N, C-alpha and C. Protein backbone atom coordinates (compact mmCIF):
# COMPACT_ATOMS: atom_id res chain seq x y z
N UNK A 1 20.14 -66.82 16.17
CA UNK A 1 21.30 -66.00 15.92
C UNK A 1 21.12 -65.11 14.69
N UNK A 2 20.20 -65.47 13.80
CA UNK A 2 19.94 -64.66 12.62
C UNK A 2 19.41 -63.29 13.04
N UNK A 3 18.57 -63.27 14.06
CA UNK A 3 18.02 -62.00 14.51
C UNK A 3 19.11 -61.10 15.09
N UNK A 4 20.18 -61.67 15.67
CA UNK A 4 21.31 -60.89 16.18
C UNK A 4 22.02 -60.18 15.04
N UNK A 5 22.16 -60.90 13.93
CA UNK A 5 22.81 -60.29 12.75
C UNK A 5 21.95 -59.13 12.25
N UNK A 6 20.63 -59.29 12.23
CA UNK A 6 19.72 -58.23 11.80
C UNK A 6 19.82 -57.01 12.70
N UNK A 7 19.87 -57.23 14.01
CA UNK A 7 20.00 -56.12 14.95
C UNK A 7 21.35 -55.43 14.75
N UNK A 8 22.39 -56.23 14.54
CA UNK A 8 23.73 -55.66 14.31
C UNK A 8 23.76 -54.78 13.07
N UNK A 9 23.13 -55.24 12.00
CA UNK A 9 23.09 -54.44 10.78
C UNK A 9 22.26 -53.17 10.99
N UNK A 10 21.17 -53.28 11.74
CA UNK A 10 20.33 -52.13 12.05
C UNK A 10 21.12 -51.08 12.82
N UNK A 11 21.82 -51.49 13.87
CA UNK A 11 22.62 -50.57 14.69
C UNK A 11 23.75 -49.96 13.86
N UNK A 12 24.41 -50.78 13.03
CA UNK A 12 25.48 -50.28 12.17
C UNK A 12 24.93 -49.22 11.21
N UNK A 13 23.74 -49.44 10.69
CA UNK A 13 23.10 -48.46 9.79
C UNK A 13 22.82 -47.15 10.49
N UNK A 14 22.35 -47.22 11.72
CA UNK A 14 22.07 -46.00 12.49
C UNK A 14 23.37 -45.23 12.74
N UNK A 15 24.42 -45.94 13.16
CA UNK A 15 25.70 -45.29 13.43
C UNK A 15 26.25 -44.65 12.15
N UNK A 16 26.19 -45.37 11.05
CA UNK A 16 26.66 -44.84 9.77
C UNK A 16 25.85 -43.60 9.38
N UNK A 17 24.56 -43.65 9.59
CA UNK A 17 23.71 -42.50 9.27
C UNK A 17 24.07 -41.29 10.11
N UNK A 18 24.34 -41.49 11.40
CA UNK A 18 24.74 -40.39 12.28
C UNK A 18 26.07 -39.81 11.83
N UNK A 19 27.02 -40.68 11.52
CA UNK A 19 28.33 -40.20 11.06
C UNK A 19 28.22 -39.43 9.76
N UNK A 20 27.35 -39.87 8.87
CA UNK A 20 27.19 -39.19 7.58
C UNK A 20 26.57 -37.80 7.75
N UNK A 21 25.82 -37.60 8.83
CA UNK A 21 25.18 -36.31 9.07
C UNK A 21 26.13 -35.32 9.72
N UNK A 22 27.26 -35.76 10.27
CA UNK A 22 28.21 -34.87 10.92
C UNK A 22 28.91 -34.01 9.88
N UNK A 23 29.13 -32.71 10.17
CA UNK A 23 29.82 -31.88 9.20
C UNK A 23 31.27 -32.32 9.05
N UNK A 24 31.73 -32.34 7.82
CA UNK A 24 33.11 -32.71 7.57
C UNK A 24 33.93 -31.44 7.40
N UNK A 25 35.23 -31.59 7.37
CA UNK A 25 36.11 -30.44 7.19
C UNK A 25 35.82 -29.76 5.85
N UNK A 26 35.50 -30.54 4.83
CA UNK A 26 35.25 -29.95 3.51
C UNK A 26 33.97 -29.14 3.49
N UNK A 27 33.01 -29.44 4.37
CA UNK A 27 31.75 -28.69 4.37
C UNK A 27 31.91 -27.32 5.01
N UNK A 28 33.05 -27.07 5.65
CA UNK A 28 33.26 -25.78 6.29
C UNK A 28 33.34 -24.64 5.28
N UNK A 29 33.72 -24.93 4.04
CA UNK A 29 33.83 -23.90 3.01
C UNK A 29 32.55 -23.75 2.21
N UNK A 30 31.53 -24.49 2.51
CA UNK A 30 30.28 -24.40 1.78
C UNK A 30 29.38 -23.36 2.44
N UNK A 31 28.47 -22.82 1.62
CA UNK A 31 27.49 -21.91 2.20
C UNK A 31 26.54 -22.73 3.05
N UNK A 32 26.11 -22.17 4.14
CA UNK A 32 25.16 -22.84 5.02
C UNK A 32 24.24 -21.78 5.60
N UNK A 33 23.10 -22.21 6.03
CA UNK A 33 22.14 -21.28 6.59
C UNK A 33 21.59 -20.31 5.55
N UNK A 34 21.42 -20.80 4.31
CA UNK A 34 20.84 -19.96 3.26
C UNK A 34 19.54 -20.58 2.78
N UNK A 35 18.61 -19.71 2.38
CA UNK A 35 17.33 -20.19 1.87
C UNK A 35 16.71 -19.10 1.00
N UNK A 36 15.83 -19.52 0.12
CA UNK A 36 15.14 -18.56 -0.74
C UNK A 36 14.27 -17.66 0.12
N UNK A 37 14.39 -16.36 -0.07
CA UNK A 37 13.59 -15.40 0.66
C UNK A 37 12.57 -14.72 -0.22
N UNK A 38 12.99 -14.36 -1.45
CA UNK A 38 12.04 -13.70 -2.34
C UNK A 38 12.44 -13.86 -3.80
N UNK A 39 11.47 -13.61 -4.64
CA UNK A 39 11.68 -13.54 -6.07
C UNK A 39 11.30 -12.13 -6.49
N UNK A 40 12.19 -11.47 -7.23
CA UNK A 40 11.92 -10.13 -7.71
C UNK A 40 11.37 -10.19 -9.12
N UNK A 41 10.28 -9.47 -9.36
CA UNK A 41 9.65 -9.43 -10.68
C UNK A 41 9.57 -8.00 -11.19
N UNK A 42 9.89 -7.80 -12.47
CA UNK A 42 9.57 -6.56 -13.17
C UNK A 42 8.17 -6.74 -13.72
N UNK A 43 7.30 -5.75 -13.50
CA UNK A 43 5.91 -5.88 -13.93
C UNK A 43 5.49 -4.67 -14.77
N UNK A 44 4.60 -4.90 -15.74
CA UNK A 44 4.14 -3.82 -16.61
C UNK A 44 3.26 -2.82 -15.88
N UNK A 45 2.41 -3.30 -14.98
CA UNK A 45 1.51 -2.44 -14.24
C UNK A 45 1.58 -2.84 -12.77
N UNK A 46 2.22 -2.00 -11.97
CA UNK A 46 2.45 -2.33 -10.57
C UNK A 46 1.15 -2.56 -9.81
N UNK A 47 0.20 -1.65 -9.91
CA UNK A 47 -1.06 -1.78 -9.17
C UNK A 47 -1.83 -3.04 -9.58
N UNK A 48 -1.90 -3.29 -10.88
CA UNK A 48 -2.61 -4.47 -11.39
C UNK A 48 -1.94 -5.77 -10.91
N UNK A 49 -0.64 -5.79 -10.95
CA UNK A 49 0.10 -6.99 -10.53
C UNK A 49 -0.07 -7.25 -9.04
N UNK A 50 0.05 -6.20 -8.24
CA UNK A 50 -0.11 -6.35 -6.79
C UNK A 50 -1.53 -6.82 -6.48
N UNK A 51 -2.52 -6.24 -7.13
CA UNK A 51 -3.92 -6.66 -6.91
C UNK A 51 -4.11 -8.13 -7.26
N UNK A 52 -3.51 -8.57 -8.36
CA UNK A 52 -3.63 -9.97 -8.78
C UNK A 52 -3.07 -10.91 -7.71
N UNK A 53 -1.89 -10.63 -7.23
CA UNK A 53 -1.26 -11.53 -6.25
C UNK A 53 -1.94 -11.44 -4.88
N UNK A 54 -2.53 -10.30 -4.56
CA UNK A 54 -3.34 -10.21 -3.34
C UNK A 54 -4.53 -11.15 -3.43
N UNK A 55 -5.15 -11.25 -4.63
CA UNK A 55 -6.27 -12.18 -4.83
C UNK A 55 -5.82 -13.63 -4.62
N UNK A 56 -4.54 -13.90 -4.82
CA UNK A 56 -4.00 -15.25 -4.58
C UNK A 56 -3.77 -15.49 -3.09
N UNK A 57 -3.97 -14.45 -2.27
CA UNK A 57 -3.82 -14.60 -0.83
C UNK A 57 -2.51 -14.08 -0.29
N UNK A 58 -1.66 -13.47 -1.13
CA UNK A 58 -0.40 -12.91 -0.65
C UNK A 58 -0.72 -11.60 0.07
N UNK A 59 -0.09 -11.40 1.22
CA UNK A 59 -0.38 -10.24 2.05
C UNK A 59 0.60 -9.10 1.82
N UNK A 60 0.11 -7.86 1.85
CA UNK A 60 1.04 -6.73 1.78
C UNK A 60 2.01 -6.78 2.96
N UNK A 61 3.29 -6.63 2.67
CA UNK A 61 4.30 -6.66 3.73
C UNK A 61 4.87 -5.26 3.95
N UNK A 62 5.42 -4.66 2.90
CA UNK A 62 5.97 -3.31 2.98
C UNK A 62 6.26 -2.82 1.57
N UNK A 63 6.47 -1.52 1.46
CA UNK A 63 6.91 -0.95 0.20
C UNK A 63 7.90 0.17 0.50
N UNK A 64 8.69 0.52 -0.51
CA UNK A 64 9.70 1.55 -0.34
C UNK A 64 10.11 2.02 -1.73
N UNK A 65 10.93 3.02 -1.78
CA UNK A 65 11.50 3.51 -3.02
C UNK A 65 12.96 3.14 -3.04
N UNK A 66 13.42 2.51 -4.13
CA UNK A 66 14.83 2.09 -4.18
C UNK A 66 15.74 3.30 -4.42
N UNK A 67 17.03 3.05 -4.44
CA UNK A 67 18.01 4.13 -4.56
C UNK A 67 17.91 4.88 -5.88
N UNK A 68 17.30 4.27 -6.90
CA UNK A 68 17.10 4.93 -8.19
C UNK A 68 15.74 5.63 -8.28
N UNK A 69 14.95 5.59 -7.21
CA UNK A 69 13.66 6.26 -7.19
C UNK A 69 12.49 5.43 -7.67
N UNK A 70 12.70 4.11 -7.88
CA UNK A 70 11.61 3.23 -8.33
C UNK A 70 10.81 2.72 -7.14
N UNK A 71 9.47 2.68 -7.26
CA UNK A 71 8.67 2.09 -6.19
C UNK A 71 8.86 0.57 -6.17
N UNK A 72 8.96 0.01 -4.98
CA UNK A 72 9.10 -1.43 -4.78
C UNK A 72 8.01 -1.86 -3.80
N UNK A 73 7.31 -2.94 -4.14
CA UNK A 73 6.25 -3.48 -3.28
C UNK A 73 6.59 -4.93 -2.96
N UNK A 74 6.53 -5.27 -1.68
CA UNK A 74 6.72 -6.65 -1.22
C UNK A 74 5.39 -7.21 -0.75
N UNK A 75 5.04 -8.38 -1.27
CA UNK A 75 3.91 -9.14 -0.74
C UNK A 75 4.48 -10.39 -0.08
N UNK A 76 3.86 -10.80 1.01
CA UNK A 76 4.34 -11.92 1.80
C UNK A 76 3.52 -13.16 1.49
N UNK A 77 4.22 -14.23 1.11
CA UNK A 77 3.56 -15.50 0.80
C UNK A 77 3.35 -16.31 2.07
N UNK A 78 4.40 -16.38 2.88
CA UNK A 78 4.33 -17.06 4.18
C UNK A 78 5.29 -16.36 5.13
N UNK A 79 5.59 -16.99 6.24
CA UNK A 79 6.40 -16.38 7.28
C UNK A 79 7.63 -15.65 6.76
N UNK A 80 8.42 -16.27 5.91
CA UNK A 80 9.67 -15.65 5.47
C UNK A 80 9.91 -15.72 3.97
N UNK A 81 8.82 -15.77 3.19
CA UNK A 81 8.93 -15.81 1.74
C UNK A 81 8.07 -14.69 1.13
N UNK A 82 8.68 -13.97 0.19
CA UNK A 82 8.04 -12.79 -0.40
C UNK A 82 8.13 -12.82 -1.92
N UNK A 83 7.31 -11.96 -2.54
CA UNK A 83 7.46 -11.61 -3.95
C UNK A 83 7.67 -10.10 -3.97
N UNK A 84 8.70 -9.67 -4.70
CA UNK A 84 9.03 -8.25 -4.82
C UNK A 84 8.63 -7.77 -6.22
N UNK A 85 7.92 -6.65 -6.29
CA UNK A 85 7.45 -6.10 -7.56
C UNK A 85 8.10 -4.75 -7.82
N UNK A 86 8.61 -4.58 -9.04
CA UNK A 86 9.21 -3.34 -9.49
C UNK A 86 8.65 -3.04 -10.89
N UNK A 87 8.31 -1.79 -11.17
CA UNK A 87 7.83 -1.48 -12.52
C UNK A 87 8.87 -1.81 -13.59
N UNK A 88 8.41 -2.39 -14.67
CA UNK A 88 9.27 -2.68 -15.82
C UNK A 88 9.66 -1.37 -16.49
N UNK A 89 10.81 -1.39 -17.15
CA UNK A 89 11.30 -0.24 -17.91
C UNK A 89 11.81 -0.74 -19.25
N UNK A 90 12.26 0.18 -20.09
CA UNK A 90 12.84 -0.22 -21.38
C UNK A 90 14.07 -1.10 -21.16
N UNK A 91 14.87 -0.80 -20.15
CA UNK A 91 16.06 -1.61 -19.85
C UNK A 91 15.73 -2.92 -19.15
N UNK A 92 14.60 -2.94 -18.46
CA UNK A 92 14.19 -4.11 -17.69
C UNK A 92 12.74 -4.46 -18.01
N UNK A 93 12.52 -5.23 -19.08
CA UNK A 93 11.14 -5.60 -19.45
C UNK A 93 10.52 -6.53 -18.41
N UNK A 94 9.21 -6.69 -18.48
CA UNK A 94 8.48 -7.54 -17.54
C UNK A 94 9.08 -8.94 -17.51
N UNK A 95 9.23 -9.47 -16.31
CA UNK A 95 9.79 -10.81 -16.12
C UNK A 95 10.60 -10.88 -14.84
N UNK A 96 11.42 -11.89 -14.77
CA UNK A 96 12.23 -12.13 -13.58
C UNK A 96 13.31 -11.08 -13.43
N UNK A 97 13.39 -10.49 -12.27
CA UNK A 97 14.42 -9.50 -11.96
C UNK A 97 15.61 -10.17 -11.27
N UNK A 98 15.32 -10.90 -10.20
CA UNK A 98 16.40 -11.50 -9.41
C UNK A 98 15.84 -12.50 -8.41
N UNK A 99 16.75 -13.24 -7.80
CA UNK A 99 16.43 -14.10 -6.66
C UNK A 99 16.99 -13.44 -5.41
N UNK A 100 16.29 -13.55 -4.32
CA UNK A 100 16.77 -13.05 -3.03
C UNK A 100 17.02 -14.23 -2.11
N UNK A 101 18.27 -14.41 -1.72
CA UNK A 101 18.66 -15.52 -0.85
C UNK A 101 19.03 -14.96 0.52
N UNK A 102 18.40 -15.47 1.55
CA UNK A 102 18.61 -15.03 2.92
C UNK A 102 19.70 -15.88 3.53
N UNK A 103 20.70 -15.23 4.09
CA UNK A 103 21.80 -15.92 4.76
C UNK A 103 21.76 -15.62 6.25
N UNK A 104 21.97 -16.64 7.06
CA UNK A 104 22.06 -16.45 8.51
C UNK A 104 23.34 -15.72 8.88
N UNK A 105 24.40 -15.88 8.07
CA UNK A 105 25.69 -15.25 8.32
C UNK A 105 26.26 -14.81 6.98
N UNK A 106 25.93 -13.59 6.59
CA UNK A 106 26.27 -13.10 5.25
C UNK A 106 27.78 -13.03 5.03
N UNK A 107 28.54 -12.60 6.02
CA UNK A 107 30.00 -12.51 5.86
C UNK A 107 30.60 -13.88 5.58
N UNK A 108 30.16 -14.89 6.31
CA UNK A 108 30.67 -16.25 6.08
C UNK A 108 30.25 -16.79 4.73
N UNK A 109 29.02 -16.51 4.34
CA UNK A 109 28.53 -16.96 3.03
C UNK A 109 29.34 -16.33 1.91
N UNK A 110 29.57 -15.02 1.99
CA UNK A 110 30.35 -14.33 0.97
C UNK A 110 31.77 -14.88 0.94
N UNK A 111 32.36 -15.09 2.09
CA UNK A 111 33.71 -15.63 2.15
C UNK A 111 33.79 -17.01 1.49
N UNK A 112 32.82 -17.87 1.80
CA UNK A 112 32.80 -19.22 1.21
C UNK A 112 32.62 -19.17 -0.30
N UNK A 113 31.75 -18.29 -0.77
CA UNK A 113 31.53 -18.17 -2.21
C UNK A 113 32.80 -17.68 -2.91
N UNK A 114 33.46 -16.70 -2.30
CA UNK A 114 34.70 -16.20 -2.89
C UNK A 114 35.78 -17.28 -2.90
N UNK A 115 35.84 -18.07 -1.85
CA UNK A 115 36.82 -19.19 -1.82
C UNK A 115 36.52 -20.19 -2.92
N UNK A 116 35.25 -20.28 -3.32
CA UNK A 116 34.86 -21.18 -4.41
C UNK A 116 34.98 -20.52 -5.78
N UNK A 117 35.57 -19.33 -5.83
CA UNK A 117 35.82 -18.67 -7.10
C UNK A 117 34.67 -17.86 -7.66
N UNK A 118 33.66 -17.56 -6.85
CA UNK A 118 32.51 -16.78 -7.32
C UNK A 118 32.73 -15.31 -6.97
N UNK A 119 32.54 -14.45 -7.97
CA UNK A 119 32.68 -13.01 -7.76
C UNK A 119 31.42 -12.50 -7.05
N UNK A 120 31.62 -11.91 -5.88
CA UNK A 120 30.53 -11.38 -5.08
C UNK A 120 30.87 -9.94 -4.72
N UNK A 121 29.91 -9.04 -4.89
CA UNK A 121 30.11 -7.64 -4.52
C UNK A 121 30.34 -7.53 -3.01
N UNK A 122 30.87 -6.37 -2.60
CA UNK A 122 31.03 -6.11 -1.17
C UNK A 122 29.65 -5.93 -0.53
N UNK A 123 29.55 -6.23 0.74
CA UNK A 123 28.30 -6.09 1.49
C UNK A 123 28.06 -4.62 1.77
N UNK A 124 26.80 -4.19 1.60
CA UNK A 124 26.41 -2.82 1.92
C UNK A 124 25.05 -2.84 2.62
N UNK A 125 24.60 -1.67 3.02
CA UNK A 125 23.28 -1.53 3.64
C UNK A 125 22.29 -1.17 2.53
N UNK A 126 21.24 -1.97 2.39
CA UNK A 126 20.24 -1.73 1.36
C UNK A 126 19.19 -0.72 1.80
N UNK A 127 18.32 -0.37 0.88
CA UNK A 127 17.25 0.60 1.15
C UNK A 127 16.29 0.13 2.22
N UNK A 128 16.19 -1.21 2.44
CA UNK A 128 15.29 -1.75 3.46
C UNK A 128 16.01 -1.94 4.80
N UNK A 129 17.25 -1.47 4.89
CA UNK A 129 18.11 -1.62 6.07
C UNK A 129 18.57 -3.06 6.27
N UNK A 130 18.50 -3.85 5.20
CA UNK A 130 19.07 -5.20 5.21
C UNK A 130 20.51 -5.11 4.72
N UNK A 131 21.35 -6.00 5.19
CA UNK A 131 22.70 -6.12 4.64
C UNK A 131 22.56 -6.89 3.33
N UNK A 132 23.21 -6.39 2.29
CA UNK A 132 22.97 -6.95 0.96
C UNK A 132 24.25 -6.98 0.13
N UNK A 133 24.34 -7.96 -0.73
CA UNK A 133 25.37 -8.02 -1.75
C UNK A 133 24.76 -8.71 -2.96
N UNK A 134 25.45 -8.67 -4.06
CA UNK A 134 24.94 -9.26 -5.30
C UNK A 134 26.00 -10.11 -5.97
N UNK A 135 25.52 -11.08 -6.71
CA UNK A 135 26.36 -11.86 -7.61
C UNK A 135 25.54 -12.13 -8.85
N UNK A 136 26.23 -12.47 -9.92
CA UNK A 136 25.56 -12.76 -11.19
C UNK A 136 25.96 -14.15 -11.64
N UNK A 137 24.97 -14.98 -11.99
CA UNK A 137 25.27 -16.35 -12.41
C UNK A 137 25.72 -16.36 -13.88
N UNK A 138 26.16 -17.51 -14.39
CA UNK A 138 26.65 -17.57 -15.77
C UNK A 138 25.62 -17.18 -16.83
N UNK A 139 24.32 -17.16 -16.47
CA UNK A 139 23.27 -16.79 -17.40
C UNK A 139 22.90 -15.31 -17.33
N UNK A 140 23.59 -14.59 -16.45
CA UNK A 140 23.31 -13.17 -16.28
C UNK A 140 22.23 -12.88 -15.25
N UNK A 141 21.75 -13.91 -14.54
CA UNK A 141 20.72 -13.70 -13.52
C UNK A 141 21.36 -13.18 -12.24
N UNK A 142 20.85 -12.06 -11.78
CA UNK A 142 21.34 -11.47 -10.53
C UNK A 142 20.73 -12.19 -9.34
N UNK A 143 21.55 -12.42 -8.35
CA UNK A 143 21.09 -12.98 -7.08
C UNK A 143 21.51 -12.04 -5.97
N UNK A 144 20.55 -11.63 -5.16
CA UNK A 144 20.85 -10.85 -3.97
C UNK A 144 21.10 -11.82 -2.83
N UNK A 145 22.13 -11.57 -2.05
CA UNK A 145 22.36 -12.28 -0.80
C UNK A 145 22.08 -11.28 0.30
N UNK A 146 21.26 -11.67 1.27
CA UNK A 146 20.80 -10.73 2.28
C UNK A 146 20.92 -11.30 3.69
N UNK A 147 21.09 -10.40 4.63
CA UNK A 147 20.98 -10.73 6.06
C UNK A 147 20.09 -9.66 6.67
N UNK A 148 19.20 -10.05 7.57
CA UNK A 148 18.19 -9.15 8.07
C UNK A 148 18.38 -8.80 9.53
N UNK A 149 18.98 -7.64 9.84
CA UNK A 149 19.04 -7.20 11.23
C UNK A 149 17.65 -6.79 11.71
N UNK A 150 17.48 -6.62 13.00
CA UNK A 150 16.14 -6.31 13.54
C UNK A 150 15.47 -5.08 12.93
N UNK A 151 16.25 -4.09 12.51
CA UNK A 151 15.67 -2.85 11.97
C UNK A 151 15.28 -2.96 10.50
N UNK A 152 15.60 -4.06 9.84
CA UNK A 152 15.27 -4.20 8.42
C UNK A 152 13.77 -4.41 8.24
N UNK A 153 13.27 -3.92 7.09
CA UNK A 153 11.85 -4.08 6.80
C UNK A 153 11.47 -5.55 6.67
N UNK A 154 12.37 -6.37 6.12
CA UNK A 154 12.10 -7.80 5.99
C UNK A 154 11.94 -8.46 7.36
N UNK A 155 12.88 -8.18 8.28
CA UNK A 155 12.81 -8.78 9.61
C UNK A 155 11.54 -8.35 10.33
N UNK A 156 11.17 -7.08 10.19
CA UNK A 156 9.94 -6.61 10.83
C UNK A 156 8.73 -7.35 10.28
N UNK A 157 8.67 -7.55 8.96
CA UNK A 157 7.54 -8.30 8.36
C UNK A 157 7.54 -9.75 8.81
N UNK A 158 8.72 -10.35 8.86
CA UNK A 158 8.83 -11.75 9.31
C UNK A 158 8.36 -11.87 10.75
N UNK A 159 8.80 -10.95 11.59
CA UNK A 159 8.43 -11.00 13.02
C UNK A 159 6.94 -10.72 13.24
N UNK A 160 6.32 -9.96 12.33
CA UNK A 160 4.90 -9.63 12.48
C UNK A 160 3.97 -10.70 11.94
N UNK A 161 4.53 -11.69 11.22
CA UNK A 161 3.69 -12.74 10.61
C UNK A 161 2.95 -13.53 11.67
N UNK A 162 1.66 -13.72 11.46
CA UNK A 162 0.85 -14.54 12.39
C UNK A 162 0.00 -15.47 11.60
């Protein structure tokens, strides 16, 4: 009969584990379907920095000019992770520029963040044809929230990854 008790506890543990994995009503207001997509860096020498990271095995993904006329280069680390390079300026010295977070449903993510009291800019179309918005954390670090429609440069690079 001791083994029956062991089986009972085992089955109870499995059921409890399944129940704990089910979404609760409170999780409906949380962001979901988000993951790190890229890290933006300000660099002193764009060509030198890109060459360095290429030697690390990062592949050229795409480049473009942002709305302020600055060249931007994306290197791809893996299927859906990138490093973004922008030339440093007097206002933006070399170092971390921002985090890029990819959302499966940007409108829902923005809504959930706003419900949690976080100030988030309105969604717009970015230079890469991605849907984008920004928020700033308490330390002043900018975070881009993005969604990638088929015509976006990010989605094209992700789909081309082999």
